[in-house]
Protein backbone atom coordinates (compact mmCIF):
# COMPACT_ATOMS: atom_id res chain seq x y z
CA MET A 1 0.00 0.00 0.00
CA LYS A 2 2.83 2.36 0.84
CA ASP A 3 4.59 1.59 -2.43
CA LEU A 4 1.33 2.11 -4.31
CA ILE A 5 0.77 5.56 -2.83
CA ILE A 6 4.40 6.60 -3.43
CA ALA A 7 4.09 5.46 -7.05
CA GLN A 8 0.91 7.55 -7.46
CA LEU A 9 2.61 10.58 -5.92
CA GLN A 10 5.53 10.19 -8.32
CA GLN A 11 3.18 9.94 -11.31
CA LEU A 12 1.34 13.03 -10.10
CA VAL A 13 4.58 15.02 -9.79
CA GLU A 14 5.50 14.05 -13.36
CA ALA A 15 2.04 15.02 -14.62
CA LEU A 16 2.21 18.41 -12.89
CA GLN A 17 5.67 18.98 -14.35
CA ALA A 18 4.23 18.37 -17.82
CA GLU A 19 1.50 20.92 -17.04
CA GLY A 20 4.00 23.49 -15.80
CA VAL A 21 2.83 23.46 -12.16
CA PHE A 22 6.24 22.12 -11.13
CA PRO A 23 9.41 23.05 -13.01
CA ALA A 24 11.09 20.29 -15.02
CA ASP A 25 14.03 20.11 -12.60
CA PHE A 26 11.83 19.62 -9.53
CA SER A 27 12.93 16.30 -8.03
CA PRO A 28 11.54 15.82 -4.52
CA SER A 29 12.51 12.99 -2.23
CA LEU A 30 9.02 11.61 -1.74
CA GLN A 31 8.30 10.89 1.91
CA LEU A 32 5.37 8.83 3.09
CA ASP A 33 5.58 8.28 6.82
CA ASN A 34 3.54 6.25 9.27
CA THR A 35 1.55 8.55 11.51
CA LYS A 36 1.90 8.38 15.28
CA ASP A 37 -1.65 9.53 15.99
CA LYS A 38 -4.44 7.48 14.42
CA ALA A 39 -6.53 10.65 14.26
CA HIS A 40 -4.12 11.75 11.52
CA GLY A 41 -4.76 8.65 9.45
CA ASP A 42 -2.31 5.87 8.66
CA LEU A 43 0.20 7.57 6.37
CA ALA A 44 1.18 11.17 5.69
CA THR A 45 3.22 13.01 3.06
CA ASN A 46 4.86 16.43 3.14
CA LEU A 47 4.89 16.79 -0.66
CA ALA A 48 2.83 20.00 -0.57
CA LEU A 49 5.28 21.57 1.89
CA ALA A 50 8.32 20.38 -0.06
CA GLY A 51 6.92 21.50 -3.41
CA ALA A 52 5.26 24.81 -2.48
CA LYS A 53 8.24 27.01 -3.34
CA ALA A 54 8.88 25.23 -6.64
CA ALA A 55 5.20 25.58 -7.58
CA GLY A 56 4.98 29.20 -6.42
CA ARG A 57 1.95 28.40 -4.26
CA LYS A 58 1.06 28.29 -0.59
CA PRO A 59 1.47 24.78 0.86
CA ARG A 60 -2.22 24.35 1.69
CA ASP A 61 -3.28 25.57 -1.76
CA LEU A 62 -0.91 23.08 -3.35
CA ALA A 63 -2.18 20.37 -0.99
CA VAL A 64 -5.75 21.00 -2.17
CA LEU A 65 -4.66 20.53 -5.78
CA LEU A 66 -2.73 17.37 -4.96
CA VAL A 67 -5.66 15.82 -3.09
CA GLU A 68 -8.08 16.65 -5.92
CA ARG A 69 -5.82 14.96 -8.43
CA LEU A 70 -5.08 11.97 -6.19
CA GLN A 71 -8.79 11.38 -5.56
CA ALA A 72 -9.23 11.04 -9.30
CA GLN A 73 -6.72 8.18 -9.48
CA PRO A 74 -8.58 4.84 -9.78
CA ALA A 75 -5.60 2.92 -8.42
CA LEU A 76 -5.98 4.65 -5.05
CA GLY A 77 -9.72 4.07 -4.81
CA LYS A 78 -9.48 0.62 -3.24
CA ALA A 79 -6.45 1.38 -1.08
CA VAL A 80 -7.38 4.74 0.47
CA ALA A 81 -10.68 5.40 2.22
CA LYS A 82 -10.13 9.14 2.48
CA MET A 83 -7.51 11.89 2.40
CA GLU A 84 -7.31 14.96 4.63
CA ILE A 85 -5.17 18.07 4.67
CA ALA A 86 -3.70 18.87 8.08
CA GLY A 87 -1.64 21.65 9.59
CA PRO A 88 0.38 23.77 7.18
CA GLY A 89 -0.09 21.31 4.31
CA PHE A 90 0.42 17.68 5.29
CA ILE A 91 -1.73 15.18 3.40
CA ASN A 92 -3.01 12.34 5.57
CA PHE A 93 -4.14 9.03 4.09
CA PHE A 94 -6.70 6.80 5.79
CA LEU A 95 -6.36 3.28 4.42
CA ALA A 96 -9.40 1.29 3.37
CA GLN A 97 -10.27 -1.77 5.41
CA ASP A 98 -10.13 -4.08 2.37
CA ALA A 99 -6.62 -2.84 1.68
CA LEU A 100 -5.60 -3.51 5.28
CA SER A 101 -7.11 -6.98 5.50
CA ALA A 102 -5.50 -7.97 2.18
CA ILE A 103 -2.24 -8.42 4.08
CA VAL A 104 -3.59 -11.61 5.69
CA PRO A 105 -3.90 -13.74 2.52
CA ARG A 106 -0.61 -12.32 1.28
CA ILE A 107 1.19 -13.49 4.45
CA LEU A 108 -0.47 -16.89 4.41
CA ASN A 109 0.18 -17.43 0.70
CA GLU A 110 3.84 -16.39 0.86
CA GLY A 111 4.57 -18.12 4.17
CA ALA A 112 8.21 -17.84 5.23
CA GLN A 113 8.93 -15.82 2.07
CA PHE A 114 6.72 -12.96 3.21
CA GLY A 115 8.59 -9.68 3.45
CA LEU A 116 11.81 -10.99 1.95
CA GLY A 117 13.45 -8.68 -0.56
CA GLN A 118 15.98 -8.65 -3.36
CA GLN A 119 17.71 -5.39 -2.56
CA GLY A 120 21.06 -7.19 -2.56
CA GLN A 121 20.38 -8.77 -5.97
CA GLY A 122 22.58 -11.72 -5.12
CA GLN A 123 25.68 -9.60 -4.60
CA LYS A 124 28.42 -10.85 -2.30
CA VAL A 125 28.87 -9.25 1.11
CA GLN A 126 31.36 -10.25 3.77
CA VAL A 127 30.54 -9.59 7.40
CA GLU A 128 33.42 -9.81 9.85
CA PHE A 129 32.40 -10.00 13.49
CA VAL A 130 33.49 -11.21 16.93
CA SER A 131 37.15 -11.58 15.79
CA ALA A 132 38.30 -12.21 19.36
CA ASN A 133 41.93 -13.02 20.04
CA PRO A 134 42.28 -16.57 21.44
CA THR A 135 43.53 -15.49 24.85
CA GLY A 136 40.51 -16.39 26.95
CA PRO A 137 36.76 -17.03 26.97
CA LEU A 138 34.49 -14.69 25.03
CA HIS A 139 33.37 -11.78 27.19
CA ILE A 140 30.04 -10.00 27.09
CA GLY A 141 31.40 -7.40 24.67
CA HIS A 142 32.22 -10.18 22.23
CA GLY A 143 28.70 -11.46 22.84
CA ARG A 144 27.17 -8.15 21.79
CA GLY A 145 29.30 -8.21 18.65
CA ALA A 146 28.21 -11.78 17.97
CA ALA A 147 24.51 -10.96 18.38
CA ILE A 148 24.63 -7.82 16.23
CA GLY A 149 26.87 -9.38 13.58
CA ASP A 150 24.81 -12.55 13.24
CA CYS A 151 21.55 -10.58 13.08
CA LEU A 152 23.06 -8.38 10.36
CA CYS A 153 23.89 -11.50 8.36
CA ARG A 154 20.35 -12.82 8.75
CA LEU A 155 18.84 -9.49 7.69
CA LEU A 156 21.13 -9.22 4.68
CA GLU A 157 20.36 -12.77 3.58
CA ALA A 158 16.64 -11.99 3.91
CA THR A 159 17.07 -9.03 1.56
CA GLY A 160 18.88 -10.82 -1.23
CA TRP A 161 22.59 -10.67 -0.35
CA GLU A 162 25.00 -13.60 -0.59
CA VAL A 163 26.61 -13.42 2.86
CA THR A 164 29.98 -14.73 4.04
CA ARG A 165 30.53 -14.73 7.80
CA GLU A 166 34.19 -14.31 8.72
CA PHE A 167 36.12 -14.49 12.00
CA TYR A 168 39.59 -12.88 12.03
CA TYR A 169 41.95 -13.41 14.90
CA ASN A 170 45.49 -12.70 15.99
CA ASP A 171 47.30 -15.96 16.57
CA ALA A 172 50.70 -14.37 17.22
CA GLY A 173 52.16 -11.30 18.90
CA ALA A 174 52.58 -10.09 22.48
CA GLN A 175 49.17 -11.20 23.76
CA ILE A 176 49.62 -14.73 22.48
CA ASN A 177 53.13 -14.85 23.94
CA ASN A 178 51.72 -13.82 27.33
CA LEU A 179 49.12 -16.56 26.98
CA ALA A 180 51.82 -19.16 26.30
CA LEU A 181 53.90 -17.95 29.26
CA SER A 182 50.84 -18.10 31.53
CA VAL A 183 50.01 -21.69 30.50
CA GLN A 184 53.66 -22.65 30.84
CA ALA A 185 53.69 -21.30 34.38
CA ARG A 186 50.61 -23.37 35.22
CA VAL A 187 52.22 -26.43 33.61
CA LYS A 188 55.13 -25.94 35.98
CA GLY A 189 52.77 -25.80 38.95
CA LEU A 190 52.89 -22.04 39.51
CA GLY A 191 49.88 -19.83 40.29
CA PRO A 192 49.16 -16.12 39.86
CA GLU A 193 50.12 -15.53 43.50
CA ASP A 194 53.70 -16.76 42.90
CA SER A 195 56.39 -14.13 42.53
CA SER A 196 57.66 -15.73 39.32
CA TRP A 197 54.28 -15.51 37.59
CA PRO A 198 54.62 -13.66 34.24
CA ALA A 199 54.20 -9.91 34.73
CA ASP A 200 51.54 -9.65 32.01
CA GLY A 201 50.19 -13.18 32.47
CA TYR A 202 46.54 -14.17 32.36
CA ARG A 203 45.13 -15.06 35.78
CA GLY A 204 41.76 -16.67 35.00
CA ALA A 205 41.00 -20.21 36.09
CA TYR A 206 40.73 -21.23 32.43
CA ILE A 207 44.55 -21.10 32.17
CA GLN A 208 44.69 -24.07 34.54
CA ASP A 209 42.22 -25.91 32.27
CA VAL A 210 44.54 -25.37 29.31
CA ALA A 211 47.58 -26.53 31.27
CA GLN A 212 45.87 -29.70 32.49
CA ALA A 213 44.71 -30.58 28.97
CA TYR A 214 48.25 -29.97 27.66
CA LEU A 215 49.80 -32.26 30.28
CA ALA A 216 47.12 -34.88 29.60
CA LYS A 217 48.20 -34.85 25.94
CA GLU A 218 44.69 -34.13 24.75
CA THR A 219 44.14 -33.70 21.01
CA ILE A 220 42.35 -30.46 20.17
CA THR A 221 40.58 -29.86 16.86
CA ALA A 222 40.01 -26.20 15.99
CA ASP A 223 39.76 -24.38 12.66
CA ASP A 224 40.36 -27.64 10.75
CA GLN A 225 43.65 -28.21 12.58
CA GLN A 226 44.61 -30.80 15.17
CA VAL A 227 47.05 -30.07 17.99
CA THR A 228 48.13 -32.56 20.65
CA GLY A 229 49.46 -31.65 24.08
CA ALA A 230 52.74 -32.87 25.56
CA ALA A 231 54.36 -33.27 28.93
CA ASP A 232 57.29 -30.95 28.14
CA PRO A 233 56.98 -27.73 30.17
CA GLU A 234 59.90 -26.10 28.31
CA ASP A 235 58.55 -26.29 24.75
CA LEU A 236 56.98 -22.82 24.67
CA ASP A 237 56.15 -23.06 20.97
CA ALA A 238 54.20 -26.30 21.50
CA ILE A 239 52.40 -24.74 24.48
CA ARG A 240 51.54 -21.69 22.38
CA ARG A 241 50.03 -23.75 19.55
CA PHE A 242 48.09 -25.91 22.00
CA ALA A 243 46.78 -22.96 24.01
CA VAL A 244 45.58 -21.14 20.89
CA ALA A 245 43.82 -24.27 19.59
CA PHE A 246 42.28 -25.00 23.01
CA LEU A 247 40.85 -21.50 23.41
CA ARG A 248 39.68 -21.32 19.79
CA ARG A 249 37.75 -24.54 20.42
CA GLU A 250 36.27 -23.11 23.62
CA GLN A 251 35.24 -19.92 21.81
CA ASP A 252 33.59 -21.96 19.07
CA LEU A 253 31.66 -23.99 21.65
CA ASP A 254 30.41 -20.74 23.18
CA LEU A 255 29.39 -19.45 19.76
CA GLN A 256 27.61 -22.70 18.93
CA ALA A 257 25.65 -22.36 22.17
CA PHE A 258 24.82 -18.84 21.01
CA GLY A 259 23.56 -20.01 17.61
CA VAL A 260 26.40 -18.34 15.70
CA LYS A 261 28.42 -19.97 12.94
CA PHE A 262 31.13 -18.77 10.58
CA ASP A 263 32.00 -19.64 7.00
CA ARG A 264 35.68 -18.80 7.33
CA TYR A 265 38.33 -18.23 9.97
CA PHE A 266 41.21 -15.97 8.94
CA LEU A 267 44.52 -16.03 10.82
CA GLU A 268 46.56 -12.86 11.13
CA SER A 269 49.73 -14.98 11.00
CA SER A 270 48.84 -16.02 7.44
CA LEU A 271 49.25 -12.41 6.30
CA TYR A 272 52.89 -12.56 7.39
CA ALA A 273 53.53 -16.16 6.34
CA GLU A 274 52.24 -15.46 2.82
CA GLY A 275 54.11 -12.17 2.56
CA ARG A 276 50.92 -10.09 2.26
CA VAL A 277 51.94 -7.54 4.88
CA GLU A 278 55.34 -6.89 3.30
CA GLU A 279 53.77 -6.77 -0.17
CA THR A 280 51.24 -4.19 1.02
CA VAL A 281 53.96 -2.04 2.57
CA GLN A 282 56.03 -2.15 -0.62
CA ARG A 283 53.02 -1.13 -2.71
CA LEU A 284 52.37 1.84 -0.43
CA ILE A 285 56.01 2.88 -0.81
CA GLN A 286 55.78 2.55 -4.60
CA GLN A 287 52.59 4.65 -4.63
CA GLY A 288 54.56 7.48 -3.02
CA TYR A 289 52.49 7.83 0.17
CA THR A 290 55.24 6.96 2.65
CA TYR A 291 58.31 8.66 4.09
CA GLU A 292 61.09 7.93 6.57
CA GLU A 293 61.44 10.03 9.70
CA GLY A 294 63.09 9.34 13.04
CA GLY A 295 64.03 5.84 11.99
CA ALA A 296 60.39 4.93 11.34
CA LEU A 297 58.34 4.49 8.17
CA TRP A 298 55.27 6.73 8.01
CA LEU A 299 52.10 6.67 5.90
CA ARG A 300 50.74 10.05 4.81
CA THR A 301 47.20 9.35 5.99
CA THR A 302 46.59 13.13 6.14
CA ASP A 303 46.28 12.96 2.33
CA PHE A 304 43.09 11.00 2.94
CA GLY A 305 41.48 12.98 5.75
CA ASP A 306 43.33 11.77 8.85
CA ASP A 307 44.28 14.36 11.47
CA LYS A 308 47.94 13.29 11.39
CA ASP A 309 50.24 10.88 9.60
CA ARG A 310 50.69 7.42 11.10
CA VAL A 311 53.69 5.22 11.76
CA MET A 312 53.69 2.02 9.72
CA ARG A 313 57.00 0.48 10.67
CA LYS A 314 58.44 1.27 14.09
CA THR A 315 62.11 1.92 14.83
CA ASP A 316 62.47 -1.68 16.03
CA GLY A 317 61.34 -2.97 12.63
CA GLY A 318 57.90 -4.15 13.75
CA TYR A 319 54.70 -3.01 12.08
CA THR A 320 51.99 -1.05 13.88
CA TYR A 321 48.68 -2.83 14.28
CA PHE A 322 46.80 -1.08 11.45
CA VAL A 323 49.26 -2.30 8.77
CA PRO A 324 48.13 -5.96 8.79
CA ASP A 325 44.55 -4.63 8.85
CA VAL A 326 45.21 -2.87 5.54
CA ALA A 327 46.73 -6.07 4.12
CA TYR A 328 43.74 -8.07 5.38
CA HIS A 329 41.21 -5.73 3.79
CA LEU A 330 43.13 -5.70 0.52
CA ASN A 331 42.74 -9.47 0.62
CA LYS A 332 38.99 -9.07 1.14
CA TRP A 333 38.79 -6.77 -1.88
CA GLN A 334 40.81 -9.17 -4.01
CA ARG A 335 38.43 -11.97 -3.02
CA GLY A 336 35.67 -10.01 -4.74
CA PHE A 337 33.89 -8.52 -1.74
CA THR A 338 32.88 -5.09 -2.99
CA LYS A 339 30.69 -4.77 0.10
CA VAL A 340 32.30 -5.50 3.46
CA ILE A 341 30.89 -4.82 6.92
CA ASN A 342 33.05 -4.93 10.04
CA GLU A 343 31.16 -5.27 13.32
CA GLN A 344 33.58 -4.31 16.10
CA GLY A 345 33.80 -2.70 19.49
CA ALA A 346 33.84 1.08 19.74
CA ASP A 347 37.51 0.94 20.75
CA HIS A 348 38.28 0.27 17.07
CA HIS A 349 37.00 3.71 16.08
CA SER A 350 40.47 5.20 15.80
CA THR A 351 41.59 2.59 13.25
CA ILE A 352 38.84 3.27 10.70
CA THR A 353 40.38 6.36 9.13
CA ARG A 354 43.89 4.93 8.84
CA VAL A 355 42.73 1.59 7.42
CA ARG A 356 40.61 3.35 4.81
CA ALA A 357 43.50 5.73 4.06
CA GLY A 358 45.85 2.80 3.53
CA LEU A 359 43.38 1.17 1.16
CA GLN A 360 42.93 4.39 -0.81
CA ALA A 361 46.70 4.80 -1.09
CA LEU A 362 47.13 1.34 -2.65
CA GLY A 363 45.71 2.50 -5.98
CA GLU A 364 43.27 -0.41 -6.28
CA ASN A 365 40.26 1.78 -7.12
CA ILE A 366 38.73 0.85 -3.78
CA PRO A 367 35.79 3.21 -3.13
CA GLN A 368 36.24 5.94 -0.55
CA GLY A 369 34.54 4.93 2.70
CA TRP A 370 35.07 1.21 2.09
CA PRO A 371 34.58 -0.94 4.16
CA ASP A 372 31.49 -0.22 6.25
CA TYR A 373 31.78 -0.33 10.02
CA VAL A 374 29.23 -1.03 12.74
CA LEU A 375 30.72 -0.22 16.14
CA HIS A 376 29.06 -1.29 19.37
CA GLN A 377 29.42 0.33 22.77
CA MET A 378 30.23 -1.40 26.03
CA VAL A 379 27.86 -3.59 28.05
CA THR A 380 27.25 -3.29 31.79
CA VAL A 381 25.81 -6.39 33.47
CA MET A 382 23.55 -5.85 36.49
CA ARG A 383 22.07 -8.22 39.05
CA SER A 384 19.92 -7.14 42.01
CA GLY A 385 20.73 -3.52 41.20
CA GLU A 386 24.49 -4.02 41.38
CA GLU A 387 27.04 -4.32 38.60
CA VAL A 388 28.47 -7.78 37.94
CA LYS A 389 32.14 -7.42 37.04
CA ILE A 390 33.80 -10.81 37.19
CA SER A 391 33.36 -14.43 36.22
CA LYS A 392 34.35 -17.44 38.28
CA ARG A 393 36.09 -18.84 35.22
CA ALA A 394 37.59 -15.77 33.54
CA GLY A 395 38.20 -13.88 36.75
CA SER A 396 38.32 -10.33 35.42
CA TYR A 397 35.17 -10.07 33.31
CA VAL A 398 31.70 -11.50 32.63
CA THR A 399 31.77 -14.17 29.94
CA LEU A 400 29.22 -14.79 27.23
CA ARG A 401 28.82 -18.34 28.56
CA ASP A 402 27.97 -16.92 32.01
CA LEU A 403 24.96 -15.10 30.56
CA ILE A 404 23.83 -17.98 28.36
CA ASP A 405 23.92 -20.34 31.32
CA GLU A 406 22.08 -17.88 33.56
CA VAL A 407 19.34 -16.45 31.33
CA GLY A 408 19.36 -18.66 28.21
CA CYS A 409 20.39 -18.10 24.62
CA ASP A 410 17.15 -16.40 23.52
CA ALA A 411 17.16 -13.69 26.17
CA THR A 412 20.90 -13.10 25.77
CA ARG A 413 20.63 -12.68 22.00
CA TYR A 414 17.59 -10.41 22.16
CA PHE A 415 18.94 -8.15 24.90
CA LEU A 416 22.32 -7.75 23.18
CA ALA A 417 20.76 -6.88 19.82
CA ALA A 418 17.76 -4.84 20.99
CA ARG A 419 19.49 -1.48 21.37
CA ALA A 420 21.29 0.61 18.78
CA PRO A 421 24.96 -0.48 18.66
CA SER A 422 25.99 3.14 19.26
CA SER A 423 24.20 3.11 22.63
CA GLN A 424 25.72 1.74 25.79
CA LEU A 425 23.79 -1.28 27.02
CA THR A 426 22.78 -2.28 30.53
CA PHE A 427 22.05 -6.00 30.67
CA ASP A 428 19.71 -6.63 33.60
CA ILE A 429 19.97 -10.32 34.51
CA ASP A 430 16.90 -10.19 36.75
CA LEU A 431 14.79 -8.70 33.95
CA ALA A 432 16.10 -11.19 31.39
CA ARG A 433 15.11 -14.09 33.66
CA SER A 434 11.69 -12.76 34.56
CA GLN A 435 8.50 -14.16 33.04
CA SER A 436 6.68 -10.86 32.84
CA ASN A 437 5.53 -8.30 30.31
CA GLU A 438 8.50 -6.13 31.29
CA ASN A 439 10.84 -8.73 29.78
CA PRO A 440 10.64 -7.96 26.03
CA VAL A 441 11.78 -11.33 24.74
CA TYR A 442 9.31 -13.16 27.01
CA TYR A 443 6.58 -10.69 25.95
CA ILE A 444 7.19 -11.38 22.24
CA GLN A 445 7.55 -15.15 22.59
CA TYR A 446 4.41 -15.29 24.74
CA ALA A 447 2.45 -13.51 21.99
CA HIS A 448 3.49 -16.26 19.59
CA ALA A 449 2.71 -19.02 22.09
CA ARG A 450 -0.74 -17.56 22.76
CA LEU A 451 -1.64 -17.70 19.08
CA CYS A 452 -0.33 -21.27 18.84
CA SER A 453 -2.64 -22.11 21.74
CA VAL A 454 -5.59 -20.61 19.84
CA ALA A 455 -4.79 -22.83 16.84
CA ARG A 456 -4.63 -25.92 19.05
CA GLN A 457 -7.94 -25.11 20.72
CA ALA A 458 -9.58 -24.56 17.34
CA GLU A 459 -8.25 -27.91 16.15
CA ASP A 460 -9.51 -29.65 19.30
CA LYS A 461 -12.99 -28.21 18.76
CA GLY A 462 -13.03 -29.22 15.11
CA TYR A 463 -13.00 -25.64 13.82
CA ARG A 464 -11.21 -26.11 10.53
CA TRP A 465 -10.78 -23.34 8.01
CA SER A 466 -8.98 -22.59 4.76
CA LEU A 467 -7.67 -19.44 3.18
CA ALA A 468 -10.33 -19.75 0.49
CA GLN A 469 -12.95 -19.66 3.24
CA ALA A 470 -11.24 -16.79 5.05
CA GLU A 471 -10.72 -14.32 2.19
CA PRO A 472 -14.41 -13.43 1.66
CA VAL A 473 -14.95 -12.74 5.38
CA LEU A 474 -11.84 -10.73 6.25
CA ASP A 475 -13.99 -7.59 6.29
CA ARG A 476 -15.15 -8.84 9.71
CA LEU A 477 -11.76 -7.74 11.10
CA ALA A 478 -13.20 -4.35 11.90
CA SER A 479 -12.37 -3.74 15.57
CA GLU A 480 -9.84 -1.13 16.56
CA GLN A 481 -7.44 -3.79 17.83
CA GLU A 482 -7.71 -5.78 14.61
CA GLN A 483 -7.13 -2.73 12.46
CA GLN A 484 -4.02 -1.82 14.43
CA LEU A 485 -2.68 -5.36 14.20
CA LEU A 486 -3.22 -5.42 10.44
CA LYS A 487 -1.25 -2.18 10.09
CA TRP A 488 1.67 -3.61 12.07
CA LEU A 489 1.70 -6.77 9.95
CA ALA A 490 1.79 -4.69 6.78
CA ARG A 491 4.90 -2.86 8.03
CA PHE A 492 7.05 -6.00 8.33
CA PRO A 493 8.59 -5.86 4.81
CA GLU A 494 9.40 -2.18 5.23
CA ILE A 495 11.03 -2.70 8.64
CA LEU A 496 13.03 -5.65 7.36
CA ALA A 497 14.33 -3.73 4.35
CA ARG A 498 15.23 -0.67 6.41
CA ALA A 499 16.93 -2.62 9.21
CA ALA A 500 19.10 -4.38 6.61
CA GLU A 501 19.88 -1.22 4.64
CA GLU A 502 20.75 0.82 7.73
CA LEU A 503 22.58 -2.10 9.40
CA GLU A 504 20.44 -1.79 12.53
CA PRO A 505 19.05 -5.08 13.88
CA HIS A 506 17.51 -3.25 16.82
CA GLN A 507 14.85 -1.89 14.45
CA MET A 508 13.54 -5.44 14.02
CA ALA A 509 13.72 -6.03 17.77
CA GLN A 510 11.66 -2.91 18.45
CA TYR A 511 9.19 -3.79 15.70
CA LEU A 512 8.59 -7.20 17.25
CA ARG A 513 7.87 -5.60 20.60
CA ASP A 514 5.30 -3.30 18.96
CA LEU A 515 3.78 -6.20 17.02
CA ALA A 516 3.57 -8.24 20.23
CA ALA A 517 1.85 -5.34 22.00
CA ALA A 518 -0.76 -5.15 19.22
CA THR A 519 -1.18 -8.93 19.41
CA HIS A 520 -1.72 -9.00 23.17
CA SER A 521 -4.14 -6.07 22.92
CA TRP A 522 -6.19 -7.94 20.32
CA TYR A 523 -6.02 -11.23 22.23
CA ASN A 524 -7.23 -9.60 25.44
CA ALA A 525 -10.06 -7.74 23.71
CA GLN A 526 -11.54 -10.43 21.45
CA GLN A 527 -12.96 -13.92 21.64
CA PHE A 528 -11.62 -16.17 18.90
CA LEU A 529 -13.66 -19.37 18.93
CA VAL A 530 -17.05 -17.69 18.61
CA GLU A 531 -20.22 -19.25 17.22
CA ASP A 532 -20.29 -16.94 14.19
CA ALA A 533 -18.33 -19.01 11.66
CA ALA A 534 -17.41 -16.00 9.48
CA VAL A 535 -16.00 -14.01 12.39
CA ARG A 536 -14.24 -17.07 13.78
CA THR A 537 -12.61 -17.90 10.45
CA ALA A 538 -11.44 -14.32 9.91
CA ARG A 539 -9.89 -14.18 13.37
CA LEU A 540 -8.21 -17.56 13.03
CA ALA A 541 -6.72 -16.43 9.72
CA LEU A 542 -5.42 -13.22 11.31
CA ALA A 543 -3.99 -15.24 14.20
CA ALA A 544 -2.18 -17.56 11.78
CA ALA A 545 -0.74 -14.60 9.82
CA THR A 546 0.41 -12.87 13.00
CA ARG A 547 1.98 -16.07 14.29
CA GLN A 548 3.88 -16.37 11.00
CA VAL A 549 5.30 -12.84 11.15
CA LEU A 550 6.26 -13.12 14.83
CA ALA A 551 8.16 -16.33 14.08
CA GLN A 552 9.90 -14.78 11.08
CA GLY A 553 10.96 -11.71 13.02
CA LEU A 554 12.27 -13.75 15.93
CA GLY A 555 14.17 -15.93 13.48
CA LEU A 556 15.90 -12.86 12.05
CA LEU A 557 17.22 -12.19 15.56
CA GLY A 558 18.20 -15.81 16.09
CA VAL A 559 15.56 -16.18 18.81
CA SER A 560 13.20 -19.17 19.01
CA ALA A 561 9.43 -18.95 18.62
CA PRO A 562 8.04 -21.39 21.22
CA GLU A 563 4.59 -22.88 20.73
CA GLN A 564 4.06 -23.30 24.47
CA MET A 565 5.28 -21.36 27.49
């Protein structure tokens, strides 16, 4: 219905251009917004306000002309019951009931395909997310990245993109060396309280788990590689390989419990082993964007909008951390990913400009502003009104597994994805565990379960119906609650498309909460299994359509749609 009205507005603009009412170069961005107050109709456009100056008319006078012409359009006759001019020149559209109820057979006919789009047109997109270094269990920040990143992938797939999920991690460097030294110390029987414990060692109880598995000569399979432990406490290289494999396996087990999978794991060490980092540096030198100063090699990132130039190669010969990032993203580009989305913590903000600058300087015709970034803010975990700061296993932070074990996968996923990534998030454990309307994931799932219960009761009573029987009687869905529910169902394709385009899964989470509210309001106000067969059939059809959309939306967030609660 929205697309129909926008198309009619566009045709009207073109007709008025031909008549000289609008100049030929008038090209408005047609807006048709959902109204917040039902007294103002269902949809509203500001075309008269936006076009008044171009037409040389007062907004309300132009609005009168627009409404007169729109009312003469046969295509709008069945979709729009009436149009009104409000305020300085807004045009409000009141949708016809037949147009609203038509969403029910559409949903039931299309099933799980309802609302899906082809905006991506089958193009490849790579989404990199989580990308945690294998130095310990995944913390709650990683969990937020996992929830947002996985939801992004689901939304993009639902709108026609061919998605590759990628996990990039550092399997070398100072942090990994500290990990190896920490495990080695545990292998030798030392603890964090000993004076000889590594200065920058990891102190969590999981280090002891790694050490015990190493001494027990366990075989670990991670990232298609097998590593076996040994009893030698002096072989630091063997300990390092084992510890990385052990923690990568543990991270994958956490992600599996969280319903997250990846298509590819990319090791930072491979960039060095295959010479990609050195090749990238040499290309930047050849492009003329580098210079030597103070014994270091610098990249002139200021040529690409950075506030200052950045060191690439330090005086000790080592590369700064953004250099392998440039090499990695060049690899992404060479693999054919013209659209790349990196979901990372907000602490990566400072690297965006220099990575993009490095890519621009390579002369590969990489578009400015590539890749896209979605950065999430920190998470604070609360229980009984107090912040939870540590885990029994990790010691210094709350792990993703802690939350999954305490509140379940569904609540954890929903809560971590339900707010804009740019907003800091307070995760209230007590709320997530509660079975109340204040708990949004319970509220949404309960709406679905209620409608499943209606279907079971109808089946038990022998009330069978078909879509063919329902279509002629859908005009019986005339109550205020039914009309509101129909409007929310009709918005699903729009919300899905916008959430994917704007890379904002929380829009779907909020939509589901609004849809659940409309569902509960209808459920509480109406009887379903009434004697009037026409009314009963119409309501059962609406219940089935609503159940379908609730399940689809929850699936896009990776949350289950239980049939009983």
